[in-house]
C-alpha cells in the first residue's frame, strides 16, 4: 500500500527544491506488469532515474529492483518534508 504522507512530502520537495518528482508513479516492470511507487525522480540516481519506496513494503521494493532504476527504500522520516534531509538525499543520488 502506498504511503500517502511520503508521496505528499516528495511533492513538497519538488516545489521547494525545484526538482522533477512524479509522486506517486506507475513503474513498468520487465514482465509488462506495473508496480506503484511513492516517487520517481527521473534526474537522479543514474541514467534511468531514482525510485522511492516506503521501507516497510518489501514486496513493492523487490518488484522495483527488477527494473533498471536506482531504488531507494525510505524510512518513515521521509513522511514529512525536511529541506536539509531531502537535499542531502538528493545530493547522495547525484544532484
C-alpha atoms as a PDB file:
ATOM      1  CA  UNK A   1       0.000   0.000   0.000  1.00  0.00           C
ATOM      2  CA  UNK A   2       1.330   3.415  -0.949  1.00  0.00           C
ATOM      3  CA  UNK A   3       2.420   5.802   1.790  1.00  0.00           C
ATOM      4  CA  UNK A   4       0.351   8.947   1.151  1.00  0.00           C
ATOM      5  CA  UNK A   5       2.358  11.048   3.588  1.00  0.00           C
ATOM      6  CA  UNK A   6       5.611  10.162   1.810  1.00  0.00           C
ATOM      7  CA  UNK A   7       4.021  10.996  -1.531  1.00  0.00           C
ATOM      8  CA  UNK A   8       2.967  14.381  -0.176  1.00  0.00           C
ATOM      9  CA  UNK A   9       6.467  15.038   1.200  1.00  0.00           C
ATOM     10  CA  UNK A  10       8.009  14.314  -2.206  1.00  0.00           C
ATOM     11  CA  UNK A  11       5.527  16.641  -3.901  1.00  0.00           C
ATOM     12  CA  UNK A  12       6.568  19.345  -1.453  1.00  0.00           C
ATOM     13  CA  UNK A  13      10.232  18.606  -2.186  1.00  0.00           C
ATOM     14  CA  UNK A  14       9.565  19.078  -5.891  1.00  0.00           C
ATOM     15  CA  UNK A  15       8.053  22.524  -5.276  1.00  0.00           C
ATOM     16  CA  UNK A  16      10.521  23.683  -2.650  1.00  0.00           C
ATOM     17  CA  UNK A  17      13.693  22.375  -4.301  1.00  0.00           C
ATOM     18  CA  UNK A  18      12.728  22.856  -7.932  1.00  0.00           C
ATOM     19  CA  UNK A  19      13.257  19.243  -8.995  1.00  0.00           C
ATOM     20  CA  UNK A  20      11.090  16.940 -11.075  1.00  0.00           C
ATOM     21  CA  UNK A  21       9.241  14.371  -8.979  1.00  0.00           C
ATOM     22  CA  UNK A  22       6.389  12.147 -10.109  1.00  0.00           C
ATOM     23  CA  UNK A  23       4.569  11.074  -6.958  1.00  0.00           C
ATOM     24  CA  UNK A  24       3.051   8.545  -6.981  1.00  0.00           C
ATOM     25  CA  UNK A  25       4.356   6.790 -10.074  1.00  0.00           C
ATOM     26  CA  UNK A  26       3.386   3.675 -12.035  1.00  0.00           C
ATOM     27  CA  UNK A  27       6.615   1.798 -12.729  1.00  0.00           C
ATOM     28  CA  UNK A  28       6.583  -0.712 -15.566  1.00  0.00           C
ATOM     29  CA  UNK A  29       8.269  -3.992 -14.687  1.00  0.00           C
ATOM     30  CA  UNK A  30      10.244  -6.160 -17.133  1.00  0.00           C
ATOM     31  CA  UNK A  31       7.353  -8.640 -17.373  1.00  0.00           C
ATOM     32  CA  UNK A  32       4.992  -5.862 -18.518  1.00  0.00           C
ATOM     33  CA  UNK A  33       3.139  -5.553 -15.203  1.00  0.00           C
ATOM     34  CA  UNK A  34       3.076  -2.384 -13.136  1.00  0.00           C
ATOM     35  CA  UNK A  35       4.020  -1.553  -9.566  1.00  0.00           C
ATOM     36  CA  UNK A  36       3.184   1.762  -7.946  1.00  0.00           C
ATOM     37  CA  UNK A  37       5.925   3.559  -6.038  1.00  0.00           C
ATOM     38  CA  UNK A  38       5.836   6.621  -3.818  1.00  0.00           C
ATOM     39  CA  UNK A  39       8.033   8.699  -6.116  1.00  0.00           C
ATOM     40  CA  UNK A  40      10.052   8.666  -9.315  1.00  0.00           C
ATOM     41  CA  UNK A  41      12.830  11.215  -9.829  1.00  0.00           C
ATOM     42  CA  UNK A  42      13.983  10.973 -13.446  1.00  0.00           C
ATOM     43  CA  UNK A  43      17.034  13.214 -12.996  1.00  0.00           C
ATOM     44  CA  UNK A  44      18.612  11.383 -10.050  1.00  0.00           C
ATOM     45  CA  UNK A  45      20.181   8.063  -9.133  1.00  0.00           C
ATOM     46  CA  UNK A  46      21.537   7.144 -12.560  1.00  0.00           C
ATOM     47  CA  UNK A  47      20.616   7.202 -16.233  1.00  0.00           C
ATOM     48  CA  UNK A  48      17.166   5.680 -15.604  1.00  0.00           C
ATOM     49  CA  UNK A  49      16.223   7.768 -12.595  1.00  0.00           C
ATOM     50  CA  UNK A  50      15.556   7.022  -8.950  1.00  0.00           C
ATOM     51  CA  UNK A  51      12.551   5.305  -7.398  1.00  0.00           C
ATOM     52  CA  UNK A  52      11.480   5.856  -3.794  1.00  0.00           C
ATOM     53  CA  UNK A  53       9.618   3.066  -2.000  1.00  0.00           C
ATOM     54  CA  UNK A  54       8.434   3.038   1.599  1.00  0.00           C
ATOM     55  CA  UNK A  55      10.806   0.944   3.721  1.00  0.00           C
ATOM     56  CA  UNK A  56       8.085  -1.234   5.199  1.00  0.00           C
ATOM     57  CA  UNK A  57       6.870  -2.504   1.804  1.00  0.00           C
ATOM     58  CA  UNK A  58       9.166  -5.418   0.987  1.00  0.00           C
ATOM     59  CA  UNK A  59       7.105  -6.702  -1.936  1.00  0.00           C
ATOM     60  CA  UNK A  60       6.955  -3.430  -3.889  1.00  0.00           C
ATOM     61  CA  UNK A  61      10.630  -2.784  -3.233  1.00  0.00           C
ATOM     62  CA  UNK A  62      11.568  -6.223  -4.505  1.00  0.00           C
ATOM     63  CA  UNK A  63       9.490  -5.670  -7.632  1.00  0.00           C
ATOM     64  CA  UNK A  64      11.049  -2.238  -8.257  1.00  0.00           C
ATOM     65  CA  UNK A  65      14.572  -3.678  -8.044  1.00  0.00           C
ATOM     66  CA  UNK A  66      13.852  -5.789 -11.148  1.00  0.00           C
ATOM     67  CA  UNK A  67      13.941  -2.591 -13.240  1.00  0.00           C
ATOM     68  CA  UNK A  68      16.875  -0.540 -14.485  1.00  0.00           C
ATOM     69  CA  UNK A  69      16.143   2.231 -11.954  1.00  0.00           C
ATOM     70  CA  UNK A  70      18.055   3.145  -8.824  1.00  0.00           C
ATOM     71  CA  UNK A  71      15.766   2.054  -5.970  1.00  0.00           C
ATOM     72  CA  UNK A  72      15.848   3.563  -2.509  1.00  0.00           C
ATOM     73  CA  UNK A  73      13.870   2.258   0.440  1.00  0.00           C
ATOM     74  CA  UNK A  74      12.946   5.233   2.573  1.00  0.00           C
ATOM     75  CA  UNK A  75      12.180   5.285   6.281  1.00  0.00           C
ATOM     76  CA  UNK A  76       9.224   6.957   7.937  1.00  0.00           C
ATOM     77  CA  UNK A  77      11.313  10.117   8.411  1.00  0.00           C
ATOM     78  CA  UNK A  78      10.548  10.837   4.722  1.00  0.00           C
ATOM     79  CA  UNK A  79       6.842  11.207   5.541  1.00  0.00           C
ATOM     80  CA  UNK A  80       7.391  14.913   6.238  1.00  0.00           C
ATOM     81  CA  UNK A  81       9.424  17.325   4.143  1.00  0.00           C
ATOM     82  CA  UNK A  82      12.640  18.447   5.817  1.00  0.00           C
ATOM     83  CA  UNK A  83      14.673  20.602   3.442  1.00  0.00           C
ATOM     84  CA  UNK A  84      18.085  19.594   4.751  1.00  0.00           C
ATOM     85  CA  UNK A  85      17.294  15.867   4.789  1.00  0.00           C
ATOM     86  CA  UNK A  86      15.762  15.826   1.310  1.00  0.00           C
ATOM     87  CA  UNK A  87      18.610  17.939  -0.110  1.00  0.00           C
ATOM     88  CA  UNK A  88      21.119  15.538   1.443  1.00  0.00           C
ATOM     89  CA  UNK A  89      19.315  12.571  -0.078  1.00  0.00           C
ATOM     90  CA  UNK A  90      19.244  14.193  -3.497  1.00  0.00           C
ATOM     91  CA  UNK A  91      22.950  15.031  -3.152  1.00  0.00           C
ATOM     92  CA  UNK A  92      23.584  11.331  -2.457  1.00  0.00           C
ATOM     93  CA  UNK A  93      21.539  10.499  -5.561  1.00  0.00           C
ATOM     94  CA  UNK A  94      23.714  12.693  -7.783  1.00  0.00           C
ATOM     95  CA  UNK A  95      22.341  16.259  -7.524  1.00  0.00           C
END
